[in-house]
Amino acid sequence: MARYRHRRDERGDWHASALRNVFNSLIGQLHHCLQHRKLFDEQAAFSTIAEQAPQAA
């Protein structure tokens, strides 16, 4: 969700464009995990965006 918010708020992307970016990123991560036989780790995949996003209470 932080990546989507980043694309919408800071980059000014429309809803469809922001979703497409998030999905493309997830597909890339899935491809990497399958190629290297590793489990998906959200913190590793989206660490730069997750660190910038404010934490929800």
PDB file of N, CA and C in Angstrom:
ATOM      1  N   MET A   1       0.818  -1.186   0.000  1.00  0.00           N
ATOM      2  CA  MET A   1       0.000   0.000   0.000  1.00  0.00           C
ATOM      3  C   MET A   1       0.869   1.260   0.000  1.00  0.00           C
ATOM      4  N   ALA A   2       2.023   1.201   0.622  1.00  0.00           N
ATOM      5  CA  ALA A   2       2.894   2.374   0.671  1.00  0.00           C
ATOM      6  C   ALA A   2       3.395   2.745  -0.724  1.00  0.00           C
ATOM      7  N   ARG A   3       3.690   1.738  -1.524  1.00  0.00           N
ATOM      8  CA  ARG A   3       4.161   2.004  -2.888  1.00  0.00           C
ATOM      9  C   ARG A   3       3.062   2.661  -3.710  1.00  0.00           C
ATOM     10  N   TYR A   4       1.825   2.187  -3.557  1.00  0.00           N
ATOM     11  CA  TYR A   4       0.689   2.770  -4.262  1.00  0.00           C
ATOM     12  C   TYR A   4       0.511   4.236  -3.839  1.00  0.00           C
ATOM     13  N   ARG A   5       0.534   4.489  -2.529  1.00  0.00           N
ATOM     14  CA  ARG A   5       0.367   5.860  -2.017  1.00  0.00           C
ATOM     15  C   ARG A   5       1.472   6.767  -2.536  1.00  0.00           C
ATOM     16  N   HIS A   6       2.688   6.245  -2.563  1.00  0.00           N
ATOM     17  CA  HIS A   6       3.827   7.013  -3.081  1.00  0.00           C
ATOM     18  C   HIS A   6       3.583   7.404  -4.531  1.00  0.00           C
ATOM     19  N   ARG A   7       3.162   6.450  -5.337  1.00  0.00           N
ATOM     20  CA  ARG A   7       2.912   6.731  -6.750  1.00  0.00           C
ATOM     21  C   ARG A   7       1.768   7.729  -6.928  1.00  0.00           C
ATOM     22  N   ARG A   8       0.726   7.608  -6.133  1.00  0.00           N
ATOM     23  CA  ARG A   8      -0.426   8.501  -6.266  1.00  0.00           C
ATOM     24  C   ARG A   8      -0.106   9.907  -5.764  1.00  0.00           C
ATOM     25  N   ASP A   9       0.431  10.006  -4.564  1.00  0.00           N
ATOM     26  CA  ASP A   9       0.614  11.307  -3.916  1.00  0.00           C
ATOM     27  C   ASP A   9       1.832  12.071  -4.417  1.00  0.00           C
ATOM     28  N   GLU A  10       2.974  11.412  -4.442  1.00  0.00           N
ATOM     29  CA  GLU A  10       4.216  12.113  -4.763  1.00  0.00           C
ATOM     30  C   GLU A  10       4.514  12.158  -6.256  1.00  0.00           C
ATOM     31  N   ARG A  11       4.117  11.130  -6.989  1.00  0.00           N
ATOM     32  CA  ARG A  11       4.376  11.100  -8.422  1.00  0.00           C
ATOM     33  C   ARG A  11       3.202  11.624  -9.229  1.00  0.00           C
ATOM     34  N   GLY A  12       2.015  11.668  -8.605  1.00  0.00           N
ATOM     35  CA  GLY A  12       0.839  12.183  -9.294  1.00  0.00           C
ATOM     36  C   GLY A  12       0.224  11.213 -10.292  1.00  0.00           C
ATOM     37  N   ASP A  13       0.519   9.922 -10.143  1.00  0.00           N
ATOM     38  CA  ASP A  13      -0.047   8.926 -11.055  1.00  0.00           C
ATOM     39  C   ASP A  13      -1.549   8.768 -10.829  1.00  0.00           C
ATOM     40  N   TRP A  14      -2.251   8.411 -11.877  1.00  0.00           N
ATOM     41  CA  TRP A  14      -3.660   8.077 -11.764  1.00  0.00           C
ATOM     42  C   TRP A  14      -3.767   6.702 -11.122  1.00  0.00           C
ATOM     43  N   HIS A  15      -4.965   6.343 -10.691  1.00  0.00           N
ATOM     44  CA  HIS A  15      -5.203   5.076  -9.998  1.00  0.00           C
ATOM     45  C   HIS A  15      -4.685   3.890 -10.811  1.00  0.00           C
ATOM     46  N   ALA A  16      -5.092   3.797 -12.066  1.00  0.00           N
ATOM     47  CA  ALA A  16      -4.699   2.661 -12.910  1.00  0.00           C
ATOM     48  C   ALA A  16      -3.185   2.595 -13.098  1.00  0.00           C
ATOM     49  N   SER A  17      -2.566   3.721 -13.267  1.00  0.00           N
ATOM     50  CA  SER A  17      -1.114   3.756 -13.458  1.00  0.00           C
ATOM     51  C   SER A  17      -0.385   3.323 -12.185  1.00  0.00           C
ATOM     52  N   ALA A  18      -0.857   3.783 -11.034  1.00  0.00           N
ATOM     53  CA  ALA A  18      -0.238   3.406  -9.764  1.00  0.00           C
ATOM     54  C   ALA A  18      -0.397   1.909  -9.513  1.00  0.00           C
ATOM     55  N   LEU A  19      -1.584   1.366  -9.794  1.00  0.00           N
ATOM     56  CA  LEU A  19      -1.800  -0.072  -9.625  1.00  0.00           C
ATOM     57  C   LEU A  19      -0.915  -0.874 -10.569  1.00  0.00           C
ATOM     58  N   ARG A  20      -0.809  -0.430 -11.808  1.00  0.00           N
ATOM     59  CA  ARG A  20       0.022  -1.120 -12.789  1.00  0.00           C
ATOM     60  C   ARG A  20       1.471  -1.165 -12.310  1.00  0.00           C
ATOM     61  N   ASN A  21       1.954  -0.068 -11.736  1.00  0.00           N
ATOM     62  CA  ASN A  21       3.317  -0.023 -11.226  1.00  0.00           C
ATOM     63  C   ASN A  21       3.516  -1.017 -10.082  1.00  0.00           C
ATOM     64  N   VAL A  22       2.549  -1.062  -9.161  1.00  0.00           N
ATOM     65  CA  VAL A  22       2.635  -1.995  -8.034  1.00  0.00           C
ATOM     66  C   VAL A  22       2.606  -3.438  -8.538  1.00  0.00           C
ATOM     67  N   PHE A  23       1.685  -3.752  -9.452  1.00  0.00           N
ATOM     68  CA  PHE A  23       1.590  -5.108  -9.980  1.00  0.00           C
ATOM     69  C   PHE A  23       2.848  -5.498 -10.739  1.00  0.00           C
ATOM     70  N   ASN A  24       3.384  -4.603 -11.542  1.00  0.00           N
ATOM     71  CA  ASN A  24       4.615  -4.898 -12.279  1.00  0.00           C
ATOM     72  C   ASN A  24       5.770  -5.176 -11.330  1.00  0.00           C
ATOM     73  N   SER A  25       5.832  -4.425 -10.256  1.00  0.00           N
ATOM     74  CA  SER A  25       6.881  -4.642  -9.263  1.00  0.00           C
ATOM     75  C   SER A  25       6.715  -6.011  -8.590  1.00  0.00           C
ATOM     76  N   LEU A  26       5.475  -6.352  -8.245  1.00  0.00           N
ATOM     77  CA  LEU A  26       5.221  -7.652  -7.624  1.00  0.00           C
ATOM     78  C   LEU A  26       5.558  -8.806  -8.570  1.00  0.00           C
ATOM     79  N   ILE A  27       5.221  -8.655  -9.834  1.00  0.00           N
ATOM     80  CA  ILE A  27       5.546  -9.694 -10.819  1.00  0.00           C
ATOM     81  C   ILE A  27       7.059  -9.853 -10.931  1.00  0.00           C
ATOM     82  N   GLY A  28       7.775  -8.742 -10.920  1.00  0.00           N
ATOM     83  CA  GLY A  28       9.234  -8.808 -10.966  1.00  0.00           C
ATOM     84  C   GLY A  28       9.807  -9.512  -9.754  1.00  0.00           C
ATOM     85  N   GLN A  29       9.251  -9.226  -8.584  1.00  0.00           N
ATOM     86  CA  GLN A  29       9.713  -9.886  -7.369  1.00  0.00           C
ATOM     87  C   GLN A  29       9.402 -11.375  -7.394  1.00  0.00           C
ATOM     88  N   LEU A  30       8.206 -11.729  -7.877  1.00  0.00           N
ATOM     89  CA  LEU A  30       7.833 -13.137  -7.988  1.00  0.00           C
ATOM     90  C   LEU A  30       8.774 -13.864  -8.933  1.00  0.00           C
ATOM     91  N   HIS A  31       9.087 -13.244 -10.042  1.00  0.00           N
ATOM     92  CA  HIS A  31      10.015 -13.851 -11.008  1.00  0.00           C
ATOM     93  C   HIS A  31      11.378 -14.104 -10.357  1.00  0.00           C
ATOM     94  N   HIS A  32      11.853 -13.125  -9.611  1.00  0.00           N
ATOM     95  CA  HIS A  32      13.137 -13.275  -8.917  1.00  0.00           C
ATOM     96  C   HIS A  32      13.079 -14.428  -7.911  1.00  0.00           C
ATOM     97  N   CYS A  33      11.992 -14.490  -7.139  1.00  0.00           N
ATOM     98  CA  CYS A  33      11.862 -15.554  -6.135  1.00  0.00           C
ATOM     99  C   CYS A  33      11.830 -16.932  -6.780  1.00  0.00           C
ATOM    100  N   LEU A  34      11.105 -17.051  -7.882  1.00  0.00           N
ATOM    101  CA  LEU A  34      11.035 -18.340  -8.565  1.00  0.00           C
ATOM    102  C   LEU A  34      12.375 -18.717  -9.191  1.00  0.00           C
ATOM    103  N   GLN A  35      13.054 -17.748  -9.744  1.00  0.00           N
ATOM    104  CA  GLN A  35      14.337 -17.997 -10.382  1.00  0.00           C
ATOM    105  C   GLN A  35      15.394 -18.455  -9.382  1.00  0.00           C
ATOM    106  N   HIS A  36      15.382 -17.853  -8.194  1.00  0.00           N
ATOM    107  CA  HIS A  36      16.412 -18.136  -7.190  1.00  0.00           C
ATOM    108  C   HIS A  36      15.923 -19.045  -6.063  1.00  0.00           C
ATOM    109  N   ARG A  37      14.704 -19.554  -6.219  1.00  0.00           N
ATOM    110  CA  ARG A  37      14.114 -20.467  -5.229  1.00  0.00           C
ATOM    111  C   ARG A  37      14.148 -19.887  -3.820  1.00  0.00           C
ATOM    112  N   LYS A  38      13.670 -18.650  -3.701  1.00  0.00           N
ATOM    113  CA  LYS A  38      13.614 -17.980  -2.412  1.00  0.00           C
ATOM    114  C   LYS A  38      12.170 -17.617  -2.089  1.00  0.00           C
ATOM    115  N   LEU A  39      11.874 -17.489  -0.807  1.00  0.00           N
ATOM    116  CA  LEU A  39      10.550 -17.053  -0.380  1.00  0.00           C
ATOM    117  C   LEU A  39      10.435 -15.541  -0.531  1.00  0.00           C
ATOM    118  N   PHE A  40       9.231 -15.088  -0.812  1.00  0.00           N
ATOM    119  CA  PHE A  40       8.986 -13.657  -0.950  1.00  0.00           C
ATOM    120  C   PHE A  40       9.115 -12.982   0.405  1.00  0.00           C
ATOM    121  N   ASP A  41       9.855 -11.886   0.453  1.00  0.00           N
ATOM    122  CA  ASP A  41      10.031 -11.107   1.675  1.00  0.00           C
ATOM    123  C   ASP A  41       9.657  -9.667   1.365  1.00  0.00           C
ATOM    124  N   GLU A  42       8.516  -9.220   1.881  1.00  0.00           N
ATOM    125  CA  GLU A  42       8.024  -7.876   1.579  1.00  0.00           C
ATOM    126  C   GLU A  42       8.990  -6.792   2.041  1.00  0.00           C
ATOM    127  N   GLN A  43       9.621  -6.979   3.172  1.00  0.00           N
ATOM    128  CA  GLN A  43      10.558  -5.986   3.689  1.00  0.00           C
ATOM    129  C   GLN A  43      11.749  -5.816   2.756  1.00  0.00           C
ATOM    130  N   ALA A  44      12.233  -6.903   2.212  1.00  0.00           N
ATOM    131  CA  ALA A  44      13.361  -6.829   1.289  1.00  0.00           C
ATOM    132  C   ALA A  44      12.924  -6.273  -0.063  1.00  0.00           C
ATOM    133  N   ALA A  45      11.728  -6.643  -0.494  1.00  0.00           N
ATOM    134  CA  ALA A  45      11.245  -6.235  -1.810  1.00  0.00           C
ATOM    135  C   ALA A  45      10.942  -4.746  -1.869  1.00  0.00           C
ATOM    136  N   PHE A  46      10.332  -4.215  -0.831  1.00  0.00           N
ATOM    137  CA  PHE A  46       9.890  -2.825  -0.839  1.00  0.00           C
ATOM    138  C   PHE A  46      10.471  -2.034   0.324  1.00  0.00           C
ATOM    139  N   SER A  47      11.724  -2.293   0.665  1.00  0.00           N
ATOM    140  CA  SER A  47      12.316  -1.662   1.848  1.00  0.00           C
ATOM    141  C   SER A  47      12.417  -0.145   1.716  1.00  0.00           C
ATOM    142  N   THR A  48      12.769   0.379   0.563  1.00  0.00           N
ATOM    143  CA  THR A  48      12.936   1.825   0.431  1.00  0.00           C
ATOM    144  C   THR A  48      11.612   2.559   0.553  1.00  0.00           C
ATOM    145  N   ILE A  49      10.547   2.034  -0.018  1.00  0.00           N
ATOM    146  CA  ILE A  49       9.237   2.665   0.071  1.00  0.00           C
ATOM    147  C   ILE A  49       8.664   2.485   1.474  1.00  0.00           C
ATOM    148  N   ALA A  50       8.824   1.298   2.050  1.00  0.00           N
ATOM    149  CA  ALA A  50       8.268   1.024   3.375  1.00  0.00           C
ATOM    150  C   ALA A  50       8.915   1.907   4.447  1.00  0.00           C
ATOM    151  N   GLU A  51      10.191   2.210   4.306  1.00  0.00           N
ATOM    152  CA  GLU A  51      10.874   3.059   5.292  1.00  0.00           C
ATOM    153  C   GLU A  51      10.393   4.498   5.226  1.00  0.00           C
ATOM    154  N   GLN A  52       9.988   4.955   4.052  1.00  0.00           N
ATOM    155  CA  GLN A  52       9.546   6.328   3.882  1.00  0.00           C
ATOM    156  C   GLN A  52       8.106   6.532   4.324  1.00  0.00           C
ATOM    157  N   ALA A  53       7.287   5.482   4.285  1.00  0.00           N
ATOM    158  CA  ALA A  53       5.864   5.600   4.585  1.00  0.00           C
ATOM    159  C   ALA A  53       5.645   5.752   6.084  1.00  0.00           C
ATOM    160  N   PRO A  54       4.702   6.605   6.489  1.00  0.00           N
ATOM    161  CA  PRO A  54       4.383   6.716   7.912  1.00  0.00           C
ATOM    162  C   PRO A  54       3.664   5.463   8.388  1.00  0.00           C
ATOM    163  N   GLN A  55       3.937   5.063   9.605  1.00  0.00           N
ATOM    164  CA  GLN A  55       3.332   3.869  10.158  1.00  0.00           C
ATOM    165  C   GLN A  55       1.903   4.153  10.610  1.00  0.00           C
ATOM    166  N   ALA A  56       0.983   3.259  10.242  1.00  0.00           N
ATOM    167  CA  ALA A  56      -0.418   3.415  10.644  1.00  0.00           C
ATOM    168  C   ALA A  56      -0.583   2.964  12.095  1.00  0.00           C
ATOM    169  N   ALA A  57      -1.377   3.683  12.845  1.00  0.00           N
ATOM    170  CA  ALA A  57      -1.568   3.341  14.261  1.00  0.00           C
ATOM    171  C   ALA A  57      -2.679   2.353  14.448  1.00  0.00           C
TER     172      ALA A  57
END
